[in-house]
Amino acid sequence: MSRRKTLLIVYHSMTDGTRQMAEAARAGASADTGVEVRLLHAAQAGATDVLAAEGFIFATPENLAAISGQLKDFFDRSYYAVLDHVNGRPYACLICAGSDGHNAARQIERIATGWRLRPVAEPLIVCTHAQTPEAILATKSIRSEELQRCRSLGEAMAQGMELGVF
């Protein structure tokens, strides 16, 4: 009997928004019992976790029009150890943004292209419209309809992996 495929969700969250999004994706993916789901904070994830997974969801806040430093650190620590070992594996990304999110999504896309990962969904960007220092630093509460989008992405990712679609 072959082992279940593993979906690795790596996230960083400073104000709780991205964590909520990542947990919603995990809940959706976990509904499919054919795929093991691992949710790891970027500080705890590394190359061994990447190599052990058949698919990925990367989740980050957008900080100063970029991915978070913690997620960048994860990629820096893992990049060369997994290069040419994860070619063709599927990935998606979740971005919690104050106003835009597209530059953070582009950064993840560039890194994933280097790893030769295959995107299986458009970046899911949730905009909180936080524009003042107080709003940016405040604990976020992501709306239920946005969390449902994250859950649906996780579910679709797990189903696609289990069925061998990607």
C-alpha atoms as a PDB file:
ATOM      1  CA  MET A   1       0.000   0.000   0.000  1.00  0.00           C
ATOM      2  CA  SER A   2       1.430   3.388  -0.963  1.00  0.00           C
ATOM      3  CA  ARG A   3       1.656   6.218   1.526  1.00  0.00           C
ATOM      4  CA  ARG A   4      -0.720   9.139   1.375  1.00  0.00           C
ATOM      5  CA  LYS A   5       0.448  12.226  -0.443  1.00  0.00           C
ATOM      6  CA  THR A   6       1.384  15.189   1.723  1.00  0.00           C
ATOM      7  CA  LEU A   7       0.248  18.778   1.249  1.00  0.00           C
ATOM      8  CA  LEU A   8       2.577  21.175   3.059  1.00  0.00           C
ATOM      9  CA  ILE A   9       1.173  24.566   4.051  1.00  0.00           C
ATOM     10  CA  VAL A  10       3.899  26.987   5.094  1.00  0.00           C
ATOM     11  CA  TYR A  11       2.789  30.315   6.538  1.00  0.00           C
ATOM     12  CA  HIS A  12       3.869  33.372   8.426  1.00  0.00           C
ATOM     13  CA  SER A  13       1.492  35.747  10.175  1.00  0.00           C
ATOM     14  CA  MET A  14       2.173  38.852  12.208  1.00  0.00           C
ATOM     15  CA  THR A  15      -1.380  40.021  12.866  1.00  0.00           C
ATOM     16  CA  ASP A  16      -3.259  36.700  12.646  1.00  0.00           C
ATOM     17  CA  GLY A  17      -4.880  37.236   9.226  1.00  0.00           C
ATOM     18  CA  THR A  18      -2.586  34.928   7.287  1.00  0.00           C
ATOM     19  CA  ARG A  19      -2.779  32.282  10.020  1.00  0.00           C
ATOM     20  CA  GLN A  20      -6.573  32.270   9.726  1.00  0.00           C
ATOM     21  CA  MET A  21      -6.298  31.890   5.962  1.00  0.00           C
ATOM     22  CA  ALA A  22      -3.760  29.041   6.252  1.00  0.00           C
ATOM     23  CA  GLU A  23      -5.895  27.238   8.835  1.00  0.00           C
ATOM     24  CA  ALA A  24      -8.950  27.553   6.594  1.00  0.00           C
ATOM     25  CA  ALA A  25      -6.962  26.018   3.714  1.00  0.00           C
ATOM     26  CA  ARG A  26      -5.857  23.225   6.041  1.00  0.00           C
ATOM     27  CA  ALA A  27      -9.467  22.589   7.100  1.00  0.00           C
ATOM     28  CA  GLY A  28     -10.535  22.320   3.459  1.00  0.00           C
ATOM     29  CA  ALA A  29      -7.652  20.050   2.543  1.00  0.00           C
ATOM     30  CA  SER A  30      -8.177  17.892   5.636  1.00  0.00           C
ATOM     31  CA  ALA A  31     -11.728  17.129   4.542  1.00  0.00           C
ATOM     32  CA  ASP A  32     -10.091  14.853   1.971  1.00  0.00           C
ATOM     33  CA  THR A  33      -8.741  11.907   3.955  1.00  0.00           C
ATOM     34  CA  GLY A  34      -6.557  10.743   1.071  1.00  0.00           C
ATOM     35  CA  VAL A  35      -4.039  13.537   1.650  1.00  0.00           C
ATOM     36  CA  GLU A  36      -2.023  14.250   4.769  1.00  0.00           C
ATOM     37  CA  VAL A  37      -1.936  17.973   5.525  1.00  0.00           C
ATOM     38  CA  ARG A  38       0.944  19.579   7.402  1.00  0.00           C
ATOM     39  CA  LEU A  39       0.613  23.189   8.538  1.00  0.00           C
ATOM     40  CA  LEU A  40       3.940  24.686   9.578  1.00  0.00           C
ATOM     41  CA  HIS A  41       4.972  28.176  10.596  1.00  0.00           C
ATOM     42  CA  ALA A  42       7.731  29.379   8.276  1.00  0.00           C
ATOM     43  CA  ALA A  43      10.231  29.457  11.162  1.00  0.00           C
ATOM     44  CA  GLN A  44       9.697  25.716  11.765  1.00  0.00           C
ATOM     45  CA  ALA A  45       9.620  24.576   8.116  1.00  0.00           C
ATOM     46  CA  GLY A  46      12.672  23.600   6.125  1.00  0.00           C
ATOM     47  CA  ALA A  47      14.045  21.616   3.212  1.00  0.00           C
ATOM     48  CA  THR A  48      13.224  18.228   4.751  1.00  0.00           C
ATOM     49  CA  ASP A  49       9.554  19.217   4.986  1.00  0.00           C
ATOM     50  CA  VAL A  50       9.535  20.422   1.381  1.00  0.00           C
ATOM     51  CA  LEU A  51      11.174  17.240   0.091  1.00  0.00           C
ATOM     52  CA  ALA A  52       8.620  15.103   1.968  1.00  0.00           C
ATOM     53  CA  ALA A  53       5.615  16.856   0.390  1.00  0.00           C
ATOM     54  CA  GLU A  54       3.957  16.359  -2.982  1.00  0.00           C
ATOM     55  CA  GLY A  55       2.201  19.752  -2.997  1.00  0.00           C
ATOM     56  CA  PHE A  56       2.427  23.164  -1.356  1.00  0.00           C
ATOM     57  CA  ILE A  57       0.464  26.179  -0.244  1.00  0.00           C
ATOM     58  CA  PHE A  58       2.566  29.191   0.719  1.00  0.00           C
ATOM     59  CA  ALA A  59       0.801  31.822   2.849  1.00  0.00           C
ATOM     60  CA  THR A  60       2.149  35.239   3.756  1.00  0.00           C
ATOM     61  CA  PRO A  61       1.150  38.736   4.682  1.00  0.00           C
ATOM     62  CA  GLU A  62       2.256  41.378   2.255  1.00  0.00           C
ATOM     63  CA  ASN A  63       4.841  43.495   4.061  1.00  0.00           C
ATOM     64  CA  LEU A  64       6.057  46.637   2.314  1.00  0.00           C
ATOM     65  CA  ALA A  65       4.907  45.227  -1.059  1.00  0.00           C
ATOM     66  CA  ALA A  66       6.784  41.959  -0.476  1.00  0.00           C
ATOM     67  CA  ILE A  67       6.468  38.546   1.136  1.00  0.00           C
ATOM     68  CA  SER A  68       7.172  38.507   4.858  1.00  0.00           C
ATOM     69  CA  GLY A  69      10.760  38.203   6.026  1.00  0.00           C
ATOM     70  CA  GLN A  70       9.965  34.938   7.791  1.00  0.00           C
ATOM     71  CA  LEU A  71       8.606  33.323   4.615  1.00  0.00           C
ATOM     72  CA  LYS A  72      11.602  34.671   2.680  1.00  0.00           C
ATOM     73  CA  ASP A  73      13.869  33.140   5.342  1.00  0.00           C
ATOM     74  CA  PHE A  74      12.127  29.772   4.865  1.00  0.00           C
ATOM     75  CA  PHE A  75      12.763  29.959   1.120  1.00  0.00           C
ATOM     76  CA  ASP A  76      16.378  31.052   1.693  1.00  0.00           C
ATOM     77  CA  ARG A  77      17.044  28.147   4.077  1.00  0.00           C
ATOM     78  CA  SER A  78      15.374  25.575   1.809  1.00  0.00           C
ATOM     79  CA  TYR A  79      16.042  26.756  -1.708  1.00  0.00           C
ATOM     80  CA  TYR A  80      19.243  25.024  -2.784  1.00  0.00           C
ATOM     81  CA  ALA A  81      18.640  21.810  -0.833  1.00  0.00           C
ATOM     82  CA  VAL A  82      15.423  21.153  -2.763  1.00  0.00           C
ATOM     83  CA  LEU A  83      16.410  22.578  -6.157  1.00  0.00           C
ATOM     84  CA  ASP A  84      15.808  19.944  -8.881  1.00  0.00           C
ATOM     85  CA  HIS A  85      14.113  17.620  -6.365  1.00  0.00           C
ATOM     86  CA  VAL A  86      10.575  19.049  -6.446  1.00  0.00           C
ATOM     87  CA  ASN A  87      10.195  19.773 -10.158  1.00  0.00           C
ATOM     88  CA  GLY A  88       6.588  19.722 -11.358  1.00  0.00           C
ATOM     89  CA  ARG A  89       4.951  19.560  -7.938  1.00  0.00           C
ATOM     90  CA  PRO A  90       1.827  21.720  -7.554  1.00  0.00           C
ATOM     91  CA  TYR A  91       1.587  24.864  -5.493  1.00  0.00           C
ATOM     92  CA  ALA A  92      -0.781  27.697  -4.657  1.00  0.00           C
ATOM     93  CA  CYS A  93      -0.421  30.800  -2.509  1.00  0.00           C
ATOM     94  CA  LEU A  94      -2.439  32.852  -0.049  1.00  0.00           C
ATOM     95  CA  ILE A  95      -1.690  36.539   0.505  1.00  0.00           C
ATOM     96  CA  CYS A  96      -3.137  38.724   3.274  1.00  0.00           C
ATOM     97  CA  ALA A  97      -2.654  42.265   2.012  1.00  0.00           C
ATOM     98  CA  GLY A  98      -3.467  45.741   3.222  1.00  0.00           C
ATOM     99  CA  SER A  99      -4.016  47.179  -0.218  1.00  0.00           C
ATOM    100  CA  ASP A 100      -2.740  45.078  -3.118  1.00  0.00           C
ATOM    101  CA  GLY A 101      -0.845  41.809  -2.594  1.00  0.00           C
ATOM    102  CA  HIS A 102       0.233  41.301  -6.187  1.00  0.00           C
ATOM    103  CA  ASN A 103       3.930  41.966  -5.664  1.00  0.00           C
ATOM    104  CA  ALA A 104       4.090  39.378  -2.875  1.00  0.00           C
ATOM    105  CA  ALA A 105       2.340  36.914  -5.201  1.00  0.00           C
ATOM    106  CA  ARG A 106       4.902  37.707  -7.924  1.00  0.00           C
ATOM    107  CA  GLN A 107       7.752  37.014  -5.497  1.00  0.00           C
ATOM    108  CA  ILE A 108       6.342  33.610  -4.618  1.00  0.00           C
ATOM    109  CA  GLU A 109       5.803  32.897  -8.316  1.00  0.00           C
ATOM    110  CA  ARG A 110       9.454  33.718  -9.090  1.00  0.00           C
ATOM    111  CA  ILE A 111      10.704  31.440  -6.308  1.00  0.00           C
ATOM    112  CA  ALA A 112       8.318  28.657  -7.343  1.00  0.00           C
ATOM    113  CA  THR A 113       9.472  29.038 -10.952  1.00  0.00           C
ATOM    114  CA  GLY A 114      13.059  28.530  -9.776  1.00  0.00           C
ATOM    115  CA  TRP A 115      11.977  25.359  -7.982  1.00  0.00           C
ATOM    116  CA  ARG A 116      10.093  24.416 -11.162  1.00  0.00           C
ATOM    117  CA  LEU A 117       6.832  24.065  -9.256  1.00  0.00           C
ATOM    118  CA  ARG A 118       3.549  24.120 -11.146  1.00  0.00           C
ATOM    119  CA  PRO A 119       0.934  26.722 -10.185  1.00  0.00           C
ATOM    120  CA  VAL A 120      -2.523  25.160  -9.930  1.00  0.00           C
ATOM    121  CA  ALA A 121      -4.526  28.227  -8.895  1.00  0.00           C
ATOM    122  CA  GLU A 122      -4.344  31.982  -9.183  1.00  0.00           C
ATOM    123  CA  PRO A 123      -2.922  33.643  -6.051  1.00  0.00           C
ATOM    124  CA  LEU A 124      -5.702  34.054  -3.496  1.00  0.00           C
ATOM    125  CA  ILE A 125      -5.342  37.600  -2.184  1.00  0.00           C
ATOM    126  CA  VAL A 126      -7.433  38.866   0.715  1.00  0.00           C
ATOM    127  CA  CYS A 127      -7.299  42.643   1.068  1.00  0.00           C
ATOM    128  CA  THR A 128      -7.891  43.981   4.580  1.00  0.00           C
ATOM    129  CA  HIS A 129      -7.656  47.657   3.500  1.00  0.00           C
ATOM    130  CA  ALA A 130      -5.415  48.372   6.497  1.00  0.00           C
ATOM    131  CA  GLN A 131      -3.691  51.665   5.672  1.00  0.00           C
ATOM    132  CA  THR A 132      -2.782  53.387   8.938  1.00  0.00           C
ATOM    133  CA  PRO A 133      -0.041  52.199  11.291  1.00  0.00           C
ATOM    134  CA  GLU A 134      -2.708  51.297  13.859  1.00  0.00           C
ATOM    135  CA  ALA A 135      -4.797  49.310  11.347  1.00  0.00           C
ATOM    136  CA  ILE A 136      -1.747  47.595   9.860  1.00  0.00           C
ATOM    137  CA  LEU A 137      -0.535  46.432  13.284  1.00  0.00           C
ATOM    138  CA  ALA A 138      -3.991  45.470  14.593  1.00  0.00           C
ATOM    139  CA  THR A 139      -5.033  41.849  14.946  1.00  0.00           C
ATOM    140  CA  LYS A 140      -6.980  40.900  11.833  1.00  0.00           C
ATOM    141  CA  SER A 141     -10.299  39.104  11.585  1.00  0.00           C
ATOM    142  CA  ILE A 142     -10.755  37.667   8.107  1.00  0.00           C
ATOM    143  CA  ARG A 143     -14.344  37.648   6.854  1.00  0.00           C
ATOM    144  CA  SER A 144     -16.060  34.260   6.656  1.00  0.00           C
ATOM    145  CA  GLU A 145     -16.563  34.469   2.880  1.00  0.00           C
ATOM    146  CA  GLU A 146     -12.831  35.034   2.412  1.00  0.00           C
ATOM    147  CA  LEU A 147     -12.025  32.127   4.727  1.00  0.00           C
ATOM    148  CA  GLN A 148     -14.397  29.989   2.668  1.00  0.00           C
ATOM    149  CA  ARG A 149     -12.378  30.855  -0.449  1.00  0.00           C
ATOM    150  CA  CYS A 150      -9.235  29.681   1.386  1.00  0.00           C
ATOM    151  CA  ARG A 151     -10.994  26.516   2.516  1.00  0.00           C
ATOM    152  CA  SER A 152     -12.126  25.821  -1.052  1.00  0.00           C
ATOM    153  CA  LEU A 153      -8.588  26.272  -2.339  1.00  0.00           C
ATOM    154  CA  GLY A 154      -7.255  23.784   0.216  1.00  0.00           C
ATOM    155  CA  GLU A 155     -10.003  21.319  -0.640  1.00  0.00           C
ATOM    156  CA  ALA A 156      -9.388  21.615  -4.381  1.00  0.00           C
ATOM    157  CA  MET A 157      -5.645  21.240  -3.893  1.00  0.00           C
ATOM    158  CA  ALA A 158      -6.040  18.061  -1.842  1.00  0.00           C
ATOM    159  CA  GLN A 159      -8.582  16.567  -4.235  1.00  0.00           C
ATOM    160  CA  GLY A 160      -6.367  17.313  -7.230  1.00  0.00           C
ATOM    161  CA  MET A 161      -3.403  15.698  -5.505  1.00  0.00           C
ATOM    162  CA  GLU A 162      -5.374  12.620  -4.481  1.00  0.00           C
ATOM    163  CA  LEU A 163      -6.821  12.140  -7.962  1.00  0.00           C
ATOM    164  CA  GLY A 164      -3.428  12.655  -9.585  1.00  0.00           C
ATOM    165  CA  VAL A 165      -4.699  15.655 -11.558  1.00  0.00           C
ATOM    166  CA  PHE A 166      -1.668  17.522 -10.231  1.00  0.00           C
END
